C-alpha atoms as a PDB file:
ATOM      1  CA  UNK A   1       0.000   0.000   0.000  1.00  0.00           C
ATOM      2  CA  UNK A   2       1.560   3.238  -1.108  1.00  0.00           C
ATOM      3  CA  UNK A   3       1.096   6.885  -0.297  1.00  0.00           C
ATOM      4  CA  UNK A   4      -2.356   8.129  -1.344  1.00  0.00           C
ATOM      5  CA  UNK A   5      -2.379  10.308  -4.433  1.00  0.00           C
ATOM      6  CA  UNK A   6      -4.447  13.423  -5.057  1.00  0.00           C
ATOM      7  CA  UNK A   7      -6.791  11.399  -7.268  1.00  0.00           C
ATOM      8  CA  UNK A   8      -7.657   8.947  -4.435  1.00  0.00           C
ATOM      9  CA  UNK A   9     -11.031   9.522  -2.761  1.00  0.00           C
ATOM     10  CA  UNK A  10     -10.939  11.362   0.573  1.00  0.00           C
ATOM     11  CA  UNK A  11     -10.622   9.107   3.612  1.00  0.00           C
ATOM     12  CA  UNK A  12     -13.887   8.334   5.366  1.00  0.00           C
ATOM     13  CA  UNK A  13     -13.052   9.657   8.846  1.00  0.00           C
ATOM     14  CA  UNK A  14     -16.502   8.850  10.256  1.00  0.00           C
ATOM     15  CA  UNK A  15     -16.088   5.168   9.383  1.00  0.00           C
ATOM     16  CA  UNK A  16     -12.551   5.186  10.799  1.00  0.00           C
ATOM     17  CA  UNK A  17     -13.862   6.729  14.037  1.00  0.00           C
ATOM     18  CA  UNK A  18     -16.710   4.205  14.329  1.00  0.00           C
ATOM     19  CA  UNK A  19     -14.576   1.124  13.582  1.00  0.00           C
ATOM     20  CA  UNK A  20     -11.412   2.081  15.507  1.00  0.00           C
ATOM     21  CA  UNK A  21     -10.022  -0.827  17.566  1.00  0.00           C
ATOM     22  CA  UNK A  22     -10.058   1.309  20.737  1.00  0.00           C
ATOM     23  CA  UNK A  23     -12.994   3.057  22.335  1.00  0.00           C
ATOM     24  CA  UNK A  24     -13.219   6.730  21.368  1.00  0.00           C
ATOM     25  CA  UNK A  25     -15.258   9.504  22.973  1.00  0.00           C
ATOM     26  CA  UNK A  26     -15.487  13.161  22.023  1.00  0.00           C
ATOM     27  CA  UNK A  27     -16.438  15.337  24.994  1.00  0.00           C
ATOM     28  CA  UNK A  28     -17.442  18.863  25.943  1.00  0.00           C
ATOM     29  CA  UNK A  29     -17.441  19.878  29.619  1.00  0.00           C
ATOM     30  CA  UNK A  30     -17.175  16.170  30.546  1.00  0.00           C
ATOM     31  CA  UNK A  31     -20.341  15.366  28.564  1.00  0.00           C
ATOM     32  CA  UNK A  32     -20.173  12.614  25.922  1.00  0.00           C
ATOM     33  CA  UNK A  33     -21.006  14.237  22.576  1.00  0.00           C
ATOM     34  CA  UNK A  34     -19.956  11.306  20.377  1.00  0.00           C
ATOM     35  CA  UNK A  35     -18.659   7.785  20.843  1.00  0.00           C
ATOM     36  CA  UNK A  36     -17.707   4.863  18.650  1.00  0.00           C
ATOM     37  CA  UNK A  37     -18.864   1.255  18.505  1.00  0.00           C
ATOM     38  CA  UNK A  38     -15.945  -0.003  20.616  1.00  0.00           C
ATOM     39  CA  UNK A  39     -16.908   2.267  23.552  1.00  0.00           C
ATOM     40  CA  UNK A  40     -20.430   0.834  23.382  1.00  0.00           C
ATOM     41  CA  UNK A  41     -18.985  -2.708  23.445  1.00  0.00           C
ATOM     42  CA  UNK A  42     -16.637  -1.939  26.350  1.00  0.00           C
ATOM     43  CA  UNK A  43     -19.320  -0.326  28.509  1.00  0.00           C
ATOM     44  CA  UNK A  44     -22.154  -2.631  27.380  1.00  0.00           C
ATOM     45  CA  UNK A  45     -24.248   0.319  26.264  1.00  0.00           C
ATOM     46  CA  UNK A  46     -26.060   1.642  23.242  1.00  0.00           C
ATOM     47  CA  UNK A  47     -25.132   5.081  21.906  1.00  0.00           C
ATOM     48  CA  UNK A  48     -28.446   6.377  23.313  1.00  0.00           C
ATOM     49  CA  UNK A  49     -27.321   5.384  26.823  1.00  0.00           C
ATOM     50  CA  UNK A  50     -24.077   7.352  26.453  1.00  0.00           C
ATOM     51  CA  UNK A  51     -24.627  10.350  24.171  1.00  0.00           C
ATOM     52  CA  UNK A  52     -25.348  13.618  25.990  1.00  0.00           C
ATOM     53  CA  UNK A  53     -24.532  11.932  29.309  1.00  0.00           C
ATOM     54  CA  UNK A  54     -21.918  13.018  31.818  1.00  0.00           C
ATOM     55  CA  UNK A  55     -18.794  10.868  32.067  1.00  0.00           C
ATOM     56  CA  UNK A  56     -20.162  10.181  35.571  1.00  0.00           C
ATOM     57  CA  UNK A  57     -22.146   7.210  34.151  1.00  0.00           C
ATOM     58  CA  UNK A  58     -18.833   5.427  33.438  1.00  0.00           C
ATOM     59  CA  UNK A  59     -17.476   5.726  36.997  1.00  0.00           C
ATOM     60  CA  UNK A  60     -18.215   3.393  39.926  1.00  0.00           C
ATOM     61  CA  UNK A  61     -18.978   6.394  42.165  1.00  0.00           C
ATOM     62  CA  UNK A  62     -19.653  10.126  42.038  1.00  0.00           C
ATOM     63  CA  UNK A  63     -16.626  10.720  44.300  1.00  0.00           C
ATOM     64  CA  UNK A  64     -14.269   9.035  41.817  1.00  0.00           C
ATOM     65  CA  UNK A  65     -15.744  11.056  38.961  1.00  0.00           C
ATOM     66  CA  UNK A  66     -15.262  14.333  40.862  1.00  0.00           C
ATOM     67  CA  UNK A  67     -11.782  13.553  42.195  1.00  0.00           C
ATOM     68  CA  UNK A  68     -10.537  12.298  38.838  1.00  0.00           C
ATOM     69  CA  UNK A  69     -11.759  15.459  37.124  1.00  0.00           C
ATOM     70  CA  UNK A  70      -9.988  17.603  39.716  1.00  0.00           C
ATOM     71  CA  UNK A  71      -6.786  15.552  39.476  1.00  0.00           C
ATOM     72  CA  UNK A  72      -6.498  15.487  35.690  1.00  0.00           C
ATOM     73  CA  UNK A  73      -7.411  19.128  34.956  1.00  0.00           C
ATOM     74  CA  UNK A  74      -4.013  20.603  35.964  1.00  0.00           C
ATOM     75  CA  UNK A  75      -2.165  17.847  34.077  1.00  0.00           C
ATOM     76  CA  UNK A  76      -4.235  18.480  30.939  1.00  0.00           C
ATOM     77  CA  UNK A  77      -3.631  22.207  31.455  1.00  0.00           C
ATOM     78  CA  UNK A  78       0.150  21.734  31.489  1.00  0.00           C
ATOM     79  CA  UNK A  79       0.654  18.854  29.050  1.00  0.00           C
ATOM     80  CA  UNK A  80      -2.572  18.698  27.054  1.00  0.00           C
ATOM     81  CA  UNK A  81      -2.559  14.884  27.468  1.00  0.00           C
ATOM     82  CA  UNK A  82      -3.410  12.563  30.355  1.00  0.00           C
ATOM     83  CA  UNK A  83      -3.333   8.757  30.718  1.00  0.00           C
ATOM     84  CA  UNK A  84      -3.923   6.256  33.498  1.00  0.00           C
ATOM     85  CA  UNK A  85      -5.362   2.860  34.373  1.00  0.00           C
ATOM     86  CA  UNK A  86      -8.495   3.063  36.476  1.00  0.00           C
ATOM     87  CA  UNK A  87     -11.507   1.059  37.507  1.00  0.00           C
ATOM     88  CA  UNK A  88     -14.584   1.963  35.437  1.00  0.00           C
ATOM     89  CA  UNK A  89     -18.202   0.705  35.465  1.00  0.00           C
ATOM     90  CA  UNK A  90     -20.196  -0.996  32.734  1.00  0.00           C
ATOM     91  CA  UNK A  91     -23.402   0.869  31.930  1.00  0.00           C
ATOM     92  CA  UNK A  92     -25.699  -1.700  30.381  1.00  0.00           C
ATOM     93  CA  UNK A  93     -26.166  -5.212  29.149  1.00  0.00           C
ATOM     94  CA  UNK A  94     -25.834  -8.414  31.156  1.00  0.00           C
ATOM     95  CA  UNK A  95     -22.815  -7.036  33.013  1.00  0.00           C
ATOM     96  CA  UNK A  96     -24.397  -3.691  33.952  1.00  0.00           C
ATOM     97  CA  UNK A  97     -22.783  -2.244  37.074  1.00  0.00           C
ATOM     98  CA  UNK A  98     -19.724  -4.514  36.819  1.00  0.00           C
ATOM     99  CA  UNK A  99     -16.430  -2.787  37.541  1.00  0.00           C
ATOM    100  CA  UNK A 100     -13.364  -3.396  35.388  1.00  0.00           C
ATOM    101  CA  UNK A 101      -9.848  -2.052  34.825  1.00  0.00           C
ATOM    102  CA  UNK A 102      -9.594   0.328  31.890  1.00  0.00           C
ATOM    103  CA  UNK A 103      -6.708   2.239  30.313  1.00  0.00           C
ATOM    104  CA  UNK A 104      -7.842   5.797  29.616  1.00  0.00           C
ATOM    105  CA  UNK A 105      -5.980   8.400  27.561  1.00  0.00           C
ATOM    106  CA  UNK A 106      -7.249  11.890  26.839  1.00  0.00           C
ATOM    107  CA  UNK A 107      -6.257  15.032  25.014  1.00  0.00           C
ATOM    108  CA  UNK A 108      -7.625  18.491  25.749  1.00  0.00           C
ATOM    109  CA  UNK A 109      -8.301  20.448  22.586  1.00  0.00           C
ATOM    110  CA  UNK A 110      -7.481  23.655  24.479  1.00  0.00           C
ATOM    111  CA  UNK A 111      -5.012  23.326  27.367  1.00  0.00           C
ATOM    112  CA  UNK A 112      -6.238  26.540  28.977  1.00  0.00           C
ATOM    113  CA  UNK A 113      -9.711  24.956  29.348  1.00  0.00           C
ATOM    114  CA  UNK A 114      -8.911  21.263  29.881  1.00  0.00           C
ATOM    115  CA  UNK A 115     -12.507  20.047  30.268  1.00  0.00           C
ATOM    116  CA  UNK A 116     -13.974  22.287  27.539  1.00  0.00           C
ATOM    117  CA  UNK A 117     -13.437  19.773  24.717  1.00  0.00           C
ATOM    118  CA  UNK A 118     -11.427  16.597  24.395  1.00  0.00           C
ATOM    119  CA  UNK A 119     -10.913  13.260  22.750  1.00  0.00           C
ATOM    120  CA  UNK A 120     -10.587  10.156  24.929  1.00  0.00           C
ATOM    121  CA  UNK A 121      -9.557   6.570  24.275  1.00  0.00           C
ATOM    122  CA  UNK A 122     -10.630   3.569  26.353  1.00  0.00           C
ATOM    123  CA  UNK A 123      -9.064   0.112  26.389  1.00  0.00           C
ATOM    124  CA  UNK A 124     -10.695  -2.690  28.398  1.00  0.00           C
ATOM    125  CA  UNK A 125      -8.034  -4.414  30.544  1.00  0.00           C
ATOM    126  CA  UNK A 126     -10.406  -6.872  32.238  1.00  0.00           C
ATOM    127  CA  UNK A 127      -9.058  -9.927  30.397  1.00  0.00           C
ATOM    128  CA  UNK A 128      -5.538  -9.278  31.731  1.00  0.00           C
ATOM    129  CA  UNK A 129      -6.481  -7.619  35.029  1.00  0.00           C
ATOM    130  CA  UNK A 130      -9.811  -8.726  36.510  1.00  0.00           C
ATOM    131  CA  UNK A 131     -11.315  -6.926  39.503  1.00  0.00           C
ATOM    132  CA  UNK A 132     -11.417  -9.807  42.002  1.00  0.00           C
ATOM    133  CA  UNK A 133     -12.397  -7.996  45.206  1.00  0.00           C
ATOM    134  CA  UNK A 134     -15.094  -5.526  46.168  1.00  0.00           C
ATOM    135  CA  UNK A 135     -13.284  -2.229  46.654  1.00  0.00           C
ATOM    136  CA  UNK A 136     -14.308   1.174  47.929  1.00  0.00           C
ATOM    137  CA  UNK A 137     -13.822   4.241  45.767  1.00  0.00           C
ATOM    138  CA  UNK A 138     -10.650   5.257  47.625  1.00  0.00           C
ATOM    139  CA  UNK A 139      -9.276   1.691  47.526  1.00  0.00           C
ATOM    140  CA  UNK A 140      -9.702   1.713  43.733  1.00  0.00           C
ATOM    141  CA  UNK A 141      -7.847   5.026  43.502  1.00  0.00           C
ATOM    142  CA  UNK A 142      -4.996   3.817  45.728  1.00  0.00           C
ATOM    143  CA  UNK A 143      -4.793   0.556  43.760  1.00  0.00           C
ATOM    144  CA  UNK A 144      -4.505   2.485  40.489  1.00  0.00           C
ATOM    145  CA  UNK A 145      -1.643   4.559  41.908  1.00  0.00           C
ATOM    146  CA  UNK A 146       0.112   1.478  43.313  1.00  0.00           C
ATOM    147  CA  UNK A 147       0.043   0.007  39.810  1.00  0.00           C
ATOM    148  CA  UNK A 148       1.909   3.114  38.619  1.00  0.00           C
ATOM    149  CA  UNK A 149       4.670   2.206  41.073  1.00  0.00           C
ATOM    150  CA  UNK A 150       4.147   5.189  43.374  1.00  0.00           C
ATOM    151  CA  UNK A 151       5.129   5.194  47.044  1.00  0.00           C
ATOM    152  CA  UNK A 152       2.625   5.980  49.808  1.00  0.00           C
ATOM    153  CA  UNK A 153       3.932   9.551  50.015  1.00  0.00           C
ATOM    154  CA  UNK A 154       3.631  10.035  46.252  1.00  0.00           C
ATOM    155  CA  UNK A 155       0.127   8.541  46.249  1.00  0.00           C
ATOM    156  CA  UNK A 156      -0.838  10.819  49.132  1.00  0.00           C
ATOM    157  CA  UNK A 157       0.317  13.878  47.176  1.00  0.00           C
ATOM    158  CA  UNK A 158      -1.463  12.643  44.040  1.00  0.00           C
ATOM    159  CA  UNK A 159      -4.760  12.011  45.870  1.00  0.00           C
ATOM    160  CA  UNK A 160      -4.533  14.888  48.336  1.00  0.00           C
ATOM    161  CA  UNK A 161      -4.413  12.707  51.464  1.00  0.00           C
ATOM    162  CA  UNK A 162      -1.725  11.896  54.036  1.00  0.00           C
ATOM    163  CA  UNK A 163       0.703   9.045  53.389  1.00  0.00           C
ATOM    164  CA  UNK A 164      -0.621   7.401  56.573  1.00  0.00           C
ATOM    165  CA  UNK A 165      -4.109   7.353  55.073  1.00  0.00           C
ATOM    166  CA  UNK A 166      -2.666   5.719  51.953  1.00  0.00           C
ATOM    167  CA  UNK A 167      -0.969   3.092  54.141  1.00  0.00           C
ATOM    168  CA  UNK A 168      -4.320   2.289  55.775  1.00  0.00           C
ATOM    169  CA  UNK A 169      -5.926   1.757  52.371  1.00  0.00           C
ATOM    170  CA  UNK A 170      -2.936  -0.257  51.170  1.00  0.00           C
ATOM    171  CA  UNK A 171      -3.274  -2.512  54.253  1.00  0.00           C
ATOM    172  CA  UNK A 172      -6.976  -2.999  53.465  1.00  0.00           C
ATOM    173  CA  UNK A 173      -6.104  -3.916  49.891  1.00  0.00           C
ATOM    174  CA  UNK A 174      -3.486  -6.386  51.104  1.00  0.00           C
ATOM    175  CA  UNK A 175      -6.105  -8.091  53.302  1.00  0.00           C
ATOM    176  CA  UNK A 176      -8.691  -8.209  50.528  1.00  0.00           C
ATOM    177  CA  UNK A 177      -6.196  -9.665  48.060  1.00  0.00           C
ATOM    178  CA  UNK A 178      -4.437 -11.921  50.584  1.00  0.00           C
ATOM    179  CA  UNK A 179      -1.085 -10.286  49.867  1.00  0.00           C
ATOM    180  CA  UNK A 180       1.812 -10.480  52.309  1.00  0.00           C
ATOM    181  CA  UNK A 181       3.630  -7.362  51.066  1.00  0.00           C
ATOM    182  CA  UNK A 182       3.274  -4.455  48.637  1.00  0.00           C
ATOM    183  CA  UNK A 183       5.032  -6.258  45.769  1.00  0.00           C
ATOM    184  CA  UNK A 184       2.687  -9.229  46.116  1.00  0.00           C
ATOM    185  CA  UNK A 185      -0.295  -6.859  46.216  1.00  0.00           C
ATOM    186  CA  UNK A 186       0.772  -5.196  42.965  1.00  0.00           C
ATOM    187  CA  UNK A 187       1.240  -8.606  41.377  1.00  0.00           C
ATOM    188  CA  UNK A 188      -2.289  -9.660  42.427  1.00  0.00           C
ATOM    189  CA  UNK A 189      -3.788  -6.372  41.293  1.00  0.00           C
ATOM    190  CA  UNK A 190      -2.211  -6.965  37.887  1.00  0.00           C
ATOM    191  CA  UNK A 191      -3.950 -10.337  37.674  1.00  0.00           C
END
């Protein structure tokens, strides 16, 4: 396949968007204005269940939605791009309400207004990293940061809590996952 020539028909960007192998969402003020077929598959939803809805419907709790928005805004403001692994929630279908690990990447179209408009990708990690314990919102956030390799102090700064609070949540996670130490916990979180 060579370089397209001027005589080739224009690429069909709408079809490319719809059939992309990763989930894609276009947003304005954290409202879903468009999404592709893969997002619907990942979240078990029809476009009607997602379009014109707040991203809140994709989060296990309102607290996680709010805290994530607060945490990513300054990063989007500085870099224009943000990525992490987090626990999300399926919206519909047989697995409605099920939580799962998801890799999320986003780009702000205007860094000075990071939530004004953006494009987001979603990759379902549940096959490689199943959620095997019932976790609270804060436990999910601490687990996500542990998977990034952060220390308790770094996680505390990232989440706006003390490192001692992080250690309490880490201890709870270790009990829930039957892990003897932090390295074993990370290994179990990774599936």
